[in-house]
């Protein structure tokens, strides 16, 4: 008799092609034992997302199981599924499966608080309103509490600032909070500002566009928000013309790298000047842009799970007005906002892999220019060491030819990237056992048969009539269709008789002459 292997195989029954970030998702998987009736009970299935740590779950064999997961970032995410080996596995190729899901963000909610009307206020509003994926809530403080002129409240056409609703009840619903030229005048009590600081530490995003008041005792830094701010104002405001310059870090950071106009023919920016800078000292953060005397102008920082940015000038609106040629204000502010909201495309330390045709393109972003060699694990389990070449703007790249379909894993020692080439779960690996069942329909249609080579290693091949059986216990038949017709046979000599005689005499004479010499 035969000793059948009892093997496990993981199969993806149903999975979404896209999902909303931070929303629960599910996929349906099935772990089968082959042959049916072999192993019974349950098996351990491990799930790893984007090369991260794997989690293990126990699933019953032979049943569809709903597996929950959640996308944590925008863009493609790859989930790797692996089931434990069965008692007698033929191969582990069908013990793994992969699912690619494209993460998309739901509408982003942004809260913009303008401390007072000013020329640059509409720049922020226009940029944020131009993005259809952004829901903007904008408040401008027109009447501070200290303004008391005796006007009855019922005669005011202003809307009261809903501080309790925004900064206590619905604070966590916002993806980004922007303070534009805000100064502490009692509109927001310290308790609410402390809520915002905790919001940032728990994963929120905060942007301050500083005005002249930020250098005074009314600065947000002098409130509970100071503990999450990367830059501390010195109390000095510079009022002089200057062109914002990218720092060495800024030239590699994706927020500012490659900004249009950053470097002209003379090596200096081609964009227009600004005329105000709030002097600050940066204790913990990355300075991407600088003003006069290399003073910090744009500072990014990470606090807990959240992010903070400080633009230490309120003159970005000069670029929007085209002053001295203007500048890329829309692109700069868009990148800052998206970095704050943790968009993966703007991560300064990142590793990506993309399949383009027959090539695997590897891109690593880093603030460090040191060369790196990555380890590429091919679908068959073999590894290659691939050096990366500096490409400018903080990128290091390499390409690798693709010679096999499946999942490629790239590791630089700190991060892991995955790329899928071809079919991730090919059907030919679903059941690796030799079986006549997949071709049974074709065999029956052709009235043929199937033989096991282990039983009959050398079957006879016979010609059979179309009406006769086409297979037996030890033979296979080829239908003799008589698909040919001989209409006649004719023979012609290559040379006439005298030609053969002349050729023979010539060869004999040549041989005699050669022998004589």
Protein backbone atom coordinates (compact mmCIF):
# COMPACT_ATOMS: atom_id res chain seq x y z
CA UNK A 1 0.00 0.00 0.00
CA UNK A 2 0.89 3.67 -0.08
CA UNK A 3 2.00 5.88 2.82
CA UNK A 4 0.32 9.23 2.23
CA UNK A 5 1.84 12.38 3.70
CA UNK A 6 -0.39 14.38 6.03
CA UNK A 7 0.32 18.04 5.24
CA UNK A 8 -1.09 21.44 6.12
CA UNK A 9 -1.79 24.20 3.61
CA UNK A 10 -2.85 27.82 4.19
CA UNK A 11 -5.33 29.31 1.73
CA UNK A 12 -6.74 32.83 1.56
CA UNK A 13 -10.45 32.49 0.85
CA UNK A 14 -11.35 36.19 0.87
CA UNK A 15 -9.37 39.35 1.61
CA UNK A 16 -9.96 43.08 0.97
CA UNK A 17 -7.88 44.87 -1.65
CA UNK A 18 -7.99 48.15 0.29
CA UNK A 19 -8.99 49.32 3.75
CA UNK A 20 -9.26 52.50 5.80
CA UNK A 21 -6.31 53.17 8.09
CA UNK A 22 -6.96 52.55 11.81
CA UNK A 23 -10.29 50.85 11.09
CA UNK A 24 -10.93 47.14 11.84
CA UNK A 25 -10.58 44.84 8.83
CA UNK A 26 -11.09 41.09 8.36
CA UNK A 27 -9.94 38.41 5.96
CA UNK A 28 -11.11 34.83 5.60
CA UNK A 29 -8.51 32.07 5.65
CA UNK A 30 -8.70 28.30 5.60
CA UNK A 31 -6.12 25.83 6.86
CA UNK A 32 -6.62 22.45 5.24
CA UNK A 33 -5.17 19.04 5.99
CA UNK A 34 -4.33 16.90 2.98
CA UNK A 35 -5.57 14.32 2.39
CA UNK A 36 -8.92 15.10 4.02
CA UNK A 37 -9.34 12.88 7.02
CA UNK A 38 -5.63 12.91 7.80
CA UNK A 39 -4.83 15.35 10.59
CA UNK A 40 -7.77 16.58 12.68
CA UNK A 41 -8.24 19.28 15.28
CA UNK A 42 -6.46 22.61 14.98
CA UNK A 43 -3.22 24.22 13.85
CA UNK A 44 -1.21 27.30 14.84
CA UNK A 45 -1.26 30.13 12.31
CA UNK A 46 1.15 33.08 12.58
CA UNK A 47 0.42 36.48 11.02
CA UNK A 48 3.09 39.15 10.42
CA UNK A 49 2.27 42.58 9.01
CA UNK A 50 4.83 44.58 7.00
CA UNK A 51 7.72 42.54 8.37
CA UNK A 52 6.81 43.29 11.99
CA UNK A 53 6.53 40.85 14.89
CA UNK A 54 4.27 37.87 14.25
CA UNK A 55 1.19 37.02 16.30
CA UNK A 56 -0.03 33.46 16.63
CA UNK A 57 -3.62 32.22 16.63
CA UNK A 58 -5.13 28.75 16.77
CA UNK A 59 -7.48 27.87 13.90
CA UNK A 60 -9.53 24.72 13.28
CA UNK A 61 -8.57 22.59 10.29
CA UNK A 62 -10.82 22.51 7.25
CA UNK A 63 -12.96 25.51 8.25
CA UNK A 64 -13.21 29.12 7.06
CA UNK A 65 -11.96 31.45 9.80
CA UNK A 66 -12.38 35.24 10.03
CA UNK A 67 -9.06 36.82 11.01
CA UNK A 68 -9.15 40.48 12.18
CA UNK A 69 -6.38 42.95 11.39
CA UNK A 70 -5.87 46.70 11.23
CA UNK A 71 -3.90 48.85 8.81
CA UNK A 72 -1.59 51.27 10.57
CA UNK A 73 -0.38 53.31 7.62
CA UNK A 74 -1.35 54.57 4.20
CA UNK A 75 -0.08 52.66 1.17
CA UNK A 76 0.51 48.99 0.51
CA UNK A 77 0.68 46.64 3.48
CA UNK A 78 1.65 42.98 3.18
CA UNK A 79 0.36 40.37 5.62
CA UNK A 80 2.30 37.11 5.77
CA UNK A 81 0.47 33.98 6.90
CA UNK A 82 2.30 30.82 7.93
CA UNK A 83 0.81 27.59 9.32
CA UNK A 84 2.78 25.09 11.36
CA UNK A 85 4.11 22.02 9.56
CA UNK A 86 2.04 18.85 9.47
CA UNK A 87 3.28 15.43 10.62
CA UNK A 88 4.71 14.48 7.19
CA UNK A 89 5.18 17.51 4.95
CA UNK A 90 6.21 17.13 1.31
CA UNK A 91 7.15 20.82 1.17
CA UNK A 92 6.58 23.97 3.21
CA UNK A 93 5.82 26.10 0.14
CA UNK A 94 2.07 25.77 0.58
CA UNK A 95 2.27 26.43 4.32
CA UNK A 96 2.61 30.15 3.65
CA UNK A 97 0.37 32.70 1.99
CA UNK A 98 0.42 36.47 1.61
CA UNK A 99 -2.17 39.22 1.30
CA UNK A 100 -1.55 42.73 -0.09
CA UNK A 101 -3.94 45.44 1.13
CA UNK A 102 -3.80 49.11 0.15
CA UNK A 103 -4.36 51.40 3.13
CA UNK A 104 -6.26 54.62 2.51
CA UNK A 105 -7.00 57.39 4.98
CA UNK A 106 -10.46 58.51 5.86
CA UNK A 107 -11.06 62.24 5.70
CA UNK A 108 -8.51 64.11 7.82
CA UNK A 109 -9.78 66.54 10.44
CA UNK A 110 -7.64 69.64 10.99
CA UNK A 111 -8.22 72.34 13.62
CA UNK A 112 -6.74 75.75 12.74
CA UNK A 113 -6.72 78.39 15.46
CA UNK A 114 -5.62 81.86 14.34
CA UNK A 115 -4.73 84.12 17.23
CA UNK A 116 -5.59 87.27 15.29
CA UNK A 117 -6.38 88.34 11.72
CA UNK A 118 -3.26 88.88 9.63
CA UNK A 119 -2.07 88.77 6.03
CA UNK A 120 -0.92 85.15 6.17
CA UNK A 121 -4.06 83.70 7.72
CA UNK A 122 -5.70 83.00 4.35
CA UNK A 123 -2.61 81.12 3.14
CA UNK A 124 -3.18 78.41 5.72
CA UNK A 125 -6.89 78.27 5.00
CA UNK A 126 -6.47 78.11 1.21
CA UNK A 127 -3.92 75.30 1.36
CA UNK A 128 -5.97 73.19 3.74
CA UNK A 129 -9.27 73.82 1.94
CA UNK A 130 -7.68 72.89 -1.40
CA UNK A 131 -7.24 69.30 -0.23
CA UNK A 132 -10.56 67.45 -0.68
CA UNK A 133 -9.48 64.84 1.87
CA UNK A 134 -9.26 67.46 4.66
CA UNK A 135 -12.12 68.59 6.87
CA UNK A 136 -11.02 71.98 8.20
CA UNK A 137 -12.34 73.60 11.36
CA UNK A 138 -11.02 77.19 11.50
CA UNK A 139 -11.43 79.72 14.27
CA UNK A 140 -9.99 83.23 14.35
CA UNK A 141 -9.96 85.04 17.68
CA UNK A 142 -11.40 88.48 16.92
CA UNK A 143 -12.49 89.55 20.37
CA UNK A 144 -10.17 88.49 23.22
CA UNK A 145 -11.56 88.34 26.78
CA UNK A 146 -9.69 91.45 27.89
CA UNK A 147 -11.57 93.57 25.35
CA UNK A 148 -14.37 95.17 27.34
CA UNK A 149 -16.20 98.05 25.61
CA UNK A 150 -19.63 97.57 27.12
CA UNK A 151 -21.25 96.13 23.97
CA UNK A 152 -24.09 93.77 24.99
CA UNK A 153 -23.44 90.13 24.09
CA UNK A 154 -26.75 89.85 22.21
CA UNK A 155 -25.63 92.60 19.85
CA UNK A 156 -22.37 90.89 18.88
CA UNK A 157 -22.32 88.99 15.57
CA UNK A 158 -19.32 86.88 16.66
CA UNK A 159 -19.47 83.16 17.43
CA UNK A 160 -18.29 82.13 20.87
CA UNK A 161 -15.17 79.94 20.80
CA UNK A 162 -16.40 76.41 21.78
CA UNK A 163 -13.36 75.65 23.91
CA UNK A 164 -14.88 72.88 26.01
CA UNK A 165 -16.29 71.04 22.99
CA UNK A 166 -13.08 71.26 20.96
CA UNK A 167 -10.37 70.79 23.57
CA UNK A 168 -12.03 68.40 25.97
CA UNK A 169 -14.83 66.45 24.32
CA UNK A 170 -13.68 66.13 20.69
CA UNK A 171 -9.95 66.76 20.88
CA UNK A 172 -8.97 63.19 19.94
CA UNK A 173 -11.05 63.38 16.74
CA UNK A 174 -8.57 65.79 15.14
CA UNK A 175 -5.57 64.56 13.16
CA UNK A 176 -3.73 67.89 13.33
CA UNK A 177 -3.95 71.08 15.41
CA UNK A 178 -2.41 74.31 14.08
CA UNK A 179 -1.81 77.45 16.15
CA UNK A 180 -1.23 80.38 13.81
CA UNK A 181 0.19 83.49 15.53
CA UNK A 182 -1.54 82.46 18.71
CA UNK A 183 -0.72 84.13 22.03
CA UNK A 184 -1.95 83.26 25.45
CA UNK A 185 -4.69 85.74 26.33
CA UNK A 186 -6.98 83.65 28.48
CA UNK A 187 -9.07 82.23 25.63
CA UNK A 188 -7.73 78.74 26.31
CA UNK A 189 -7.17 77.91 29.99
CA UNK A 190 -4.05 75.96 30.92
CA UNK A 191 -6.15 72.88 31.57
CA UNK A 192 -7.12 72.72 27.88
CA UNK A 193 -3.55 73.38 26.76
CA UNK A 194 -2.47 70.52 29.01
CA UNK A 195 -5.05 68.35 27.22
CA UNK A 196 -3.40 69.26 23.90
CA UNK A 197 0.03 68.33 25.27
CA UNK A 198 -1.29 64.90 26.31
CA UNK A 199 -3.00 64.60 22.92
CA UNK A 200 0.41 65.02 21.26
CA UNK A 201 2.14 62.58 23.60
CA UNK A 202 -0.51 59.98 22.77
CA UNK A 203 0.02 60.24 19.01
CA UNK A 204 -1.45 63.59 17.97
CA UNK A 205 0.10 66.27 15.75
CA UNK A 206 0.74 69.94 16.57
CA UNK A 207 2.05 72.77 14.39
CA UNK A 208 2.90 76.25 15.62
CA UNK A 209 3.36 79.12 13.18
CA UNK A 210 5.04 81.65 15.44
CA UNK A 211 4.46 85.39 15.36
CA UNK A 212 6.21 88.20 17.21
CA UNK A 213 4.21 87.46 20.38
CA UNK A 214 5.89 84.06 20.60
CA UNK A 215 9.02 85.81 21.89
CA UNK A 216 7.12 87.33 24.84
CA UNK A 217 5.65 85.98 28.05
CA UNK A 218 2.44 85.27 26.08
CA UNK A 219 4.17 82.53 24.09
CA UNK A 220 2.67 79.04 23.95
CA UNK A 221 6.03 77.84 25.23
CA UNK A 222 5.20 79.47 28.60
CA UNK A 223 2.13 77.23 28.94
CA UNK A 224 1.78 73.46 29.51
CA UNK A 225 2.41 73.09 25.76
CA UNK A 226 6.02 74.04 26.40
CA UNK A 227 6.87 70.49 27.42
CA UNK A 228 6.20 69.23 23.88
CA UNK A 229 7.79 72.16 21.99
CA UNK A 230 11.26 71.41 20.55
CA UNK A 231 12.32 75.09 20.38
CA UNK A 232 12.46 77.57 23.28
CA UNK A 233 12.14 81.29 22.35
CA UNK A 234 15.01 83.45 23.60
CA UNK A 235 12.85 86.58 23.72
CA UNK A 236 14.43 88.15 20.66
CA UNK A 237 12.71 88.82 17.31
CA UNK A 238 14.84 89.50 14.23
CA UNK A 239 13.30 92.01 11.79
CA UNK A 240 15.57 91.84 8.74
CA UNK A 241 15.48 90.45 5.23
CA UNK A 242 16.82 86.92 4.71
CA UNK A 243 16.36 83.91 2.47
CA UNK A 244 15.41 80.69 4.28
CA UNK A 245 18.19 78.13 3.83
CA UNK A 246 18.11 74.36 4.06
CA UNK A 247 20.39 72.93 6.72
CA UNK A 248 22.50 69.83 6.15
CA UNK A 249 19.73 67.79 7.78
CA UNK A 250 17.07 69.62 5.78
CA UNK A 251 18.78 68.70 2.51
CA UNK A 252 18.20 65.01 3.36
CA UNK A 253 14.86 65.19 5.18
CA UNK A 254 11.87 64.36 2.91
CA UNK A 255 9.92 67.35 4.23
CA UNK A 256 12.38 69.82 2.70
CA UNK A 257 14.63 67.75 0.40
CA UNK A 258 14.21 68.67 -3.24
CA UNK A 259 12.05 71.75 -2.61
CA UNK A 260 11.79 73.75 -5.87
CA UNK A 261 14.17 76.70 -5.78
CA UNK A 262 16.28 75.42 -2.88
CA UNK A 263 19.51 75.74 -4.87
CA UNK A 264 20.10 78.02 -7.85
CA UNK A 265 23.07 78.34 -10.19
CA UNK A 266 25.06 80.16 -7.49
CA UNK A 267 24.18 77.55 -4.86
CA UNK A 268 21.74 79.89 -3.10
CA UNK A 269 17.93 79.62 -3.04
CA UNK A 270 16.01 81.34 -5.81
CA UNK A 271 12.94 82.01 -3.69
CA UNK A 272 12.05 85.35 -2.08
CA UNK A 273 13.03 86.75 1.31
CA UNK A 274 11.26 86.74 4.65
CA UNK A 275 11.56 89.56 7.17
CA UNK A 276 10.83 88.13 10.61
CA UNK A 277 12.31 85.34 12.75
CA UNK A 278 11.58 84.40 16.37
CA UNK A 279 14.98 83.49 17.77
CA UNK A 280 14.88 80.13 19.57
CA UNK A 281 17.13 77.49 21.07
CA UNK A 282 16.49 73.90 20.03
CA UNK A 283 17.23 71.30 22.67
CA UNK A 284 15.58 68.26 21.10
CA UNK A 285 14.52 68.29 17.46
CA UNK A 286 15.67 68.44 13.86
CA UNK A 287 16.35 71.88 12.35
CA UNK A 288 15.50 71.69 8.64
CA UNK A 289 15.54 75.37 7.67
CA UNK A 290 17.57 78.24 9.08
CA UNK A 291 17.52 82.03 8.95
CA UNK A 292 20.19 84.69 9.62
CA UNK A 293 23.20 83.38 11.49
CA UNK A 294 21.98 79.79 11.05
CA UNK A 295 19.21 80.42 13.56
CA UNK A 296 16.46 77.76 13.56
CA UNK A 297 13.52 78.52 11.30
CA UNK A 298 11.74 75.18 10.80
CA UNK A 299 12.03 72.62 13.60
CA UNK A 300 10.49 69.15 13.73
CA UNK A 301 10.30 67.02 16.87
CA UNK A 302 8.87 63.77 18.15
CA UNK A 303 7.18 63.64 21.56
CA UNK A 304 6.01 60.27 22.83
CA UNK A 305 3.95 58.81 20.00
CA UNK A 306 3.14 62.21 18.47
CA UNK A 307 4.90 64.88 16.44
CA UNK A 308 5.40 68.64 16.70
CA UNK A 309 6.57 71.25 14.19
CA UNK A 310 7.53 74.89 14.76
CA UNK A 311 7.72 77.41 11.92
CA UNK A 312 9.45 80.28 13.69
CA UNK A 313 8.23 82.97 11.32
CA UNK A 314 4.84 84.19 10.12
CA UNK A 315 6.09 85.42 6.74
CA UNK A 316 5.50 82.30 4.64
CA UNK A 317 2.61 84.24 3.09
CA UNK A 318 5.17 86.38 1.21
CA UNK A 319 5.91 83.36 -0.97
CA UNK A 320 2.19 82.94 -1.67
CA UNK A 321 1.96 86.58 -2.79
CA UNK A 322 4.90 86.13 -5.19
CA UNK A 323 7.17 88.59 -3.39
CA UNK A 324 10.62 88.57 -5.09
CA UNK A 325 9.52 85.58 -7.12
CA UNK A 326 7.70 83.82 -4.29
CA UNK A 327 8.48 80.28 -3.22
CA UNK A 328 7.09 76.77 -2.73
CA UNK A 329 4.88 77.65 0.25
CA UNK A 330 2.09 75.22 -0.72
CA UNK A 331 4.46 72.28 -1.14
CA UNK A 332 6.35 73.09 2.07
CA UNK A 333 3.24 73.44 4.23
CA UNK A 334 1.66 70.34 2.68
CA UNK A 335 4.77 68.27 3.47
CA UNK A 336 4.93 69.58 7.04
CA UNK A 337 1.28 68.74 7.65
CA UNK A 338 1.58 65.26 6.13
CA UNK A 339 4.76 64.49 8.10
CA UNK A 340 2.98 65.52 11.29
CA UNK A 341 0.12 63.14 10.43
CA UNK A 342 2.71 60.36 9.96
CA UNK A 343 2.33 59.81 6.23
CA UNK A 344 4.73 56.95 5.32
CA UNK A 345 6.00 58.74 2.20
CA UNK A 346 7.59 61.43 4.38
CA UNK A 347 9.38 59.23 6.93
CA UNK A 348 12.99 60.37 7.27
CA UNK A 349 14.18 56.87 8.22
CA UNK A 350 12.50 54.45 5.85
CA UNK A 351 13.10 51.39 3.68
CA UNK A 352 10.99 50.68 0.61
CA UNK A 353 10.94 48.03 -2.12
CA UNK A 354 8.98 48.20 -5.35
CA UNK A 355 8.60 45.72 -8.19
CA UNK A 356 8.92 47.53 -11.53
CA UNK A 357 8.66 45.15 -14.47
CA UNK A 358 11.44 42.60 -14.11
CA UNK A 359 13.39 44.61 -11.53
CA UNK A 360 13.24 45.04 -7.77
CA UNK A 361 13.88 48.68 -6.85
CA UNK A 362 15.13 49.27 -3.30
CA UNK A 363 15.04 52.77 -1.78
CA UNK A 364 16.31 53.65 1.68
CA UNK A 365 15.85 57.08 3.25
CA UNK A 366 18.09 58.21 6.05
CA UNK A 367 19.46 61.37 7.58
CA UNK A 368 22.84 59.61 7.74
CA UNK A 369 24.91 59.56 4.52
CA UNK A 370 26.82 56.42 5.53
CA UNK A 371 26.63 53.66 2.86
CA UNK A 372 24.59 50.60 3.76
CA UNK A 373 24.33 47.04 2.46
CA UNK A 374 20.91 45.38 2.69
CA UNK A 375 20.05 41.70 2.88
CA UNK A 376 17.53 40.53 0.29
CA UNK A 377 15.74 37.24 1.00
CA UNK A 378 14.40 35.71 -2.20
CA UNK A 379 11.13 33.75 -2.40
CA UNK A 380 13.04 30.45 -2.36
CA UNK A 381 14.73 31.37 0.94
CA UNK A 382 18.19 32.22 -0.40
CA UNK A 383 19.75 35.57 0.53
CA UNK A 384 21.83 38.16 -1.27
CA UNK A 385 23.87 41.10 0.01
CA UNK A 386 23.07 44.21 -2.04
CA UNK A 387 25.02 47.48 -1.54
CA UNK A 388 23.06 50.74 -1.82
CA UNK A 389 24.34 53.75 -3.75
CA UNK A 390 23.82 57.37 -2.69
CA UNK A 391 21.24 59.10 -4.92
CA UNK A 392 20.98 62.50 -3.21
CA UNK A 393 18.14 64.07 -1.19
CA UNK A 394 18.71 61.52 1.57
CA UNK A 395 18.03 58.50 -0.67
CA UNK A 396 20.12 55.38 -1.22
CA UNK A 397 19.02 53.07 -4.01
CA UNK A 398 19.75 49.72 -5.66
CA UNK A 399 18.10 47.51 -8.25
CA UNK A 400 17.97 43.74 -8.47
CA UNK A 401 16.70 41.57 -11.34
CA UNK A 402 13.67 39.43 -10.54
CA UNK A 403 14.01 35.82 -11.61
CA UNK A 404 11.29 34.16 -9.51
CA UNK A 405 7.78 35.10 -8.39
CA UNK A 406 6.85 35.45 -4.75
CA UNK A 407 7.65 37.59 -1.73
CA UNK A 408 10.97 39.46 -1.46
CA UNK A 409 12.16 40.59 1.98
CA UNK A 410 14.68 43.43 2.34
CA UNK A 411 16.42 44.07 5.67
CA UNK A 412 18.90 46.84 6.52
CA UNK A 413 19.42 45.73 10.12
CA UNK A 414 16.82 48.14 11.56
CA UNK A 415 13.86 47.99 9.19
CA UNK A 416 12.27 45.41 6.95
CA UNK A 417 10.51 45.99 3.63
CA UNK A 418 8.49 43.54 1.59
CA UNK A 419 7.71 43.43 -2.13
CA UNK A 420 5.49 41.02 -4.03
CA UNK A 421 6.42 39.82 -7.52
CA UNK A 422 3.95 37.89 -9.63
CA UNK A 423 1.38 35.65 -7.98
CA UNK A 424 1.77 35.48 -4.21
CA UNK A 425 -0.28 32.30 -3.77
CA UNK A 426 0.18 30.25 -6.98
CA UNK A 427 -2.39 27.51 -7.43
CA UNK A 428 0.23 24.96 -8.45
CA UNK A 429 1.56 25.02 -4.87
CA UNK A 430 -1.84 24.69 -3.19
CA UNK A 431 -1.68 20.85 -3.23
CA UNK A 432 1.73 19.36 -3.93
CA UNK A 433 0.58 15.71 -3.96
CA UNK A 434 0.57 13.81 -7.22
CA UNK A 435 -3.08 13.19 -8.11
CA UNK A 436 -5.14 12.45 -11.22
CA UNK A 437 -8.06 14.51 -9.86
CA UNK A 438 -7.14 17.92 -11.36
CA UNK A 439 -7.17 16.36 -14.87
CA UNK A 440 -10.05 13.96 -14.23
CA UNK A 441 -12.52 15.99 -16.31
CA UNK A 442 -10.19 16.11 -19.32
CA UNK A 443 -9.41 12.39 -19.01
CA UNK A 444 -13.11 11.52 -18.88
CA UNK A 445 -13.90 13.74 -21.85
CA UNK A 446 -11.24 12.02 -23.93
CA UNK A 447 -12.22 8.52 -22.67
CA UNK A 448 -8.64 8.06 -21.50
CA UNK A 449 -7.06 6.85 -18.32
CA UNK A 450 -4.38 7.57 -15.70
CA UNK A 451 -1.67 5.20 -14.43
CA UNK A 452 0.57 5.50 -11.39
CA UNK A 453 4.20 5.15 -12.43
CA UNK A 454 4.99 3.48 -9.12
CA UNK A 455 2.58 0.66 -10.09
CA UNK A 456 3.29 0.49 -13.80
CA UNK A 457 6.71 2.07 -14.50
CA UNK A 458 6.76 1.12 -18.20
CA UNK A 459 3.25 1.05 -19.69
CA UNK A 460 2.75 -0.09 -23.27
CA UNK A 461 1.76 2.48 -25.87
CA UNK A 462 -0.72 1.21 -28.44
CA UNK A 463 -2.54 2.57 -31.43
CA UNK A 464 -6.29 2.18 -31.04
CA UNK A 465 -9.31 2.89 -33.15
CA UNK A 466 -11.41 5.93 -32.17
CA UNK A 467 -14.27 3.68 -31.03
CA UNK A 468 -12.11 1.45 -28.79
CA UNK A 469 -11.00 1.94 -25.19
CA UNK A 470 -7.99 4.23 -24.87
CA UNK A 471 -6.41 2.91 -21.66
CA UNK A 472 -6.03 -0.30 -19.70
CA UNK A 473 -4.42 -1.56 -16.52
CA UNK A 474 -0.94 -1.60 -18.07
CA UNK A 475 -1.22 0.32 -21.33
CA UNK A 476 -2.18 3.69 -22.81
CA UNK A 477 -3.62 4.16 -26.25
CA UNK A 478 -3.03 6.74 -28.94
CA UNK A 479 -5.96 7.09 -31.30
CA UNK A 480 -5.05 6.10 -34.84
CA UNK A 481 -6.91 8.81 -36.67
CA UNK A 482 -5.52 7.96 -40.13
CA UNK A 483 -4.85 11.62 -40.53
CA UNK A 484 -2.64 11.10 -43.61
CA UNK A 485 -3.04 9.99 -47.26
CA UNK A 486 -0.38 8.54 -49.64
CA UNK A 487 -1.26 9.43 -53.24
CA UNK A 488 1.77 7.78 -54.95
CA UNK A 489 5.46 6.91 -54.85
CA UNK A 490 8.08 7.76 -57.51
CA UNK A 491 11.84 7.09 -57.62
CA UNK A 492 14.45 8.93 -59.67
CA UNK A 493 18.24 8.26 -59.82
CA UNK A 494 20.50 11.03 -58.70
CA UNK A 495 22.82 10.48 -61.75
CA UNK A 496 22.49 8.44 -64.95
CA UNK A 497 24.48 5.16 -65.28
CA UNK A 498 27.29 6.70 -67.30
CA UNK A 499 27.69 9.41 -64.68
CA UNK A 500 28.31 6.86 -61.95
CA UNK A 501 30.89 5.10 -64.26
CA UNK A 502 32.76 8.33 -64.94
CA UNK A 503 32.79 9.19 -61.20
CA UNK A 504 34.18 5.74 -60.33
CA UNK A 505 36.93 5.94 -62.97
CA UNK A 506 37.88 9.43 -61.84
CA UNK A 507 38.21 8.37 -58.21
CA UNK A 508 40.28 5.31 -59.20
CA UNK A 509 42.63 7.44 -61.31
CA UNK A 510 43.03 9.98 -58.48
CA UNK A 511 43.86 7.20 -56.03
CA UNK A 512 46.43 5.62 -58.43
CA UNK A 513 48.09 8.99 -59.05
CA UNK A 514 48.33 9.76 -55.36
CA UNK A 515 49.75 6.34 -54.62
CA UNK A 516 52.32 6.79 -57.39
CA UNK A 517 53.60 10.05 -55.84
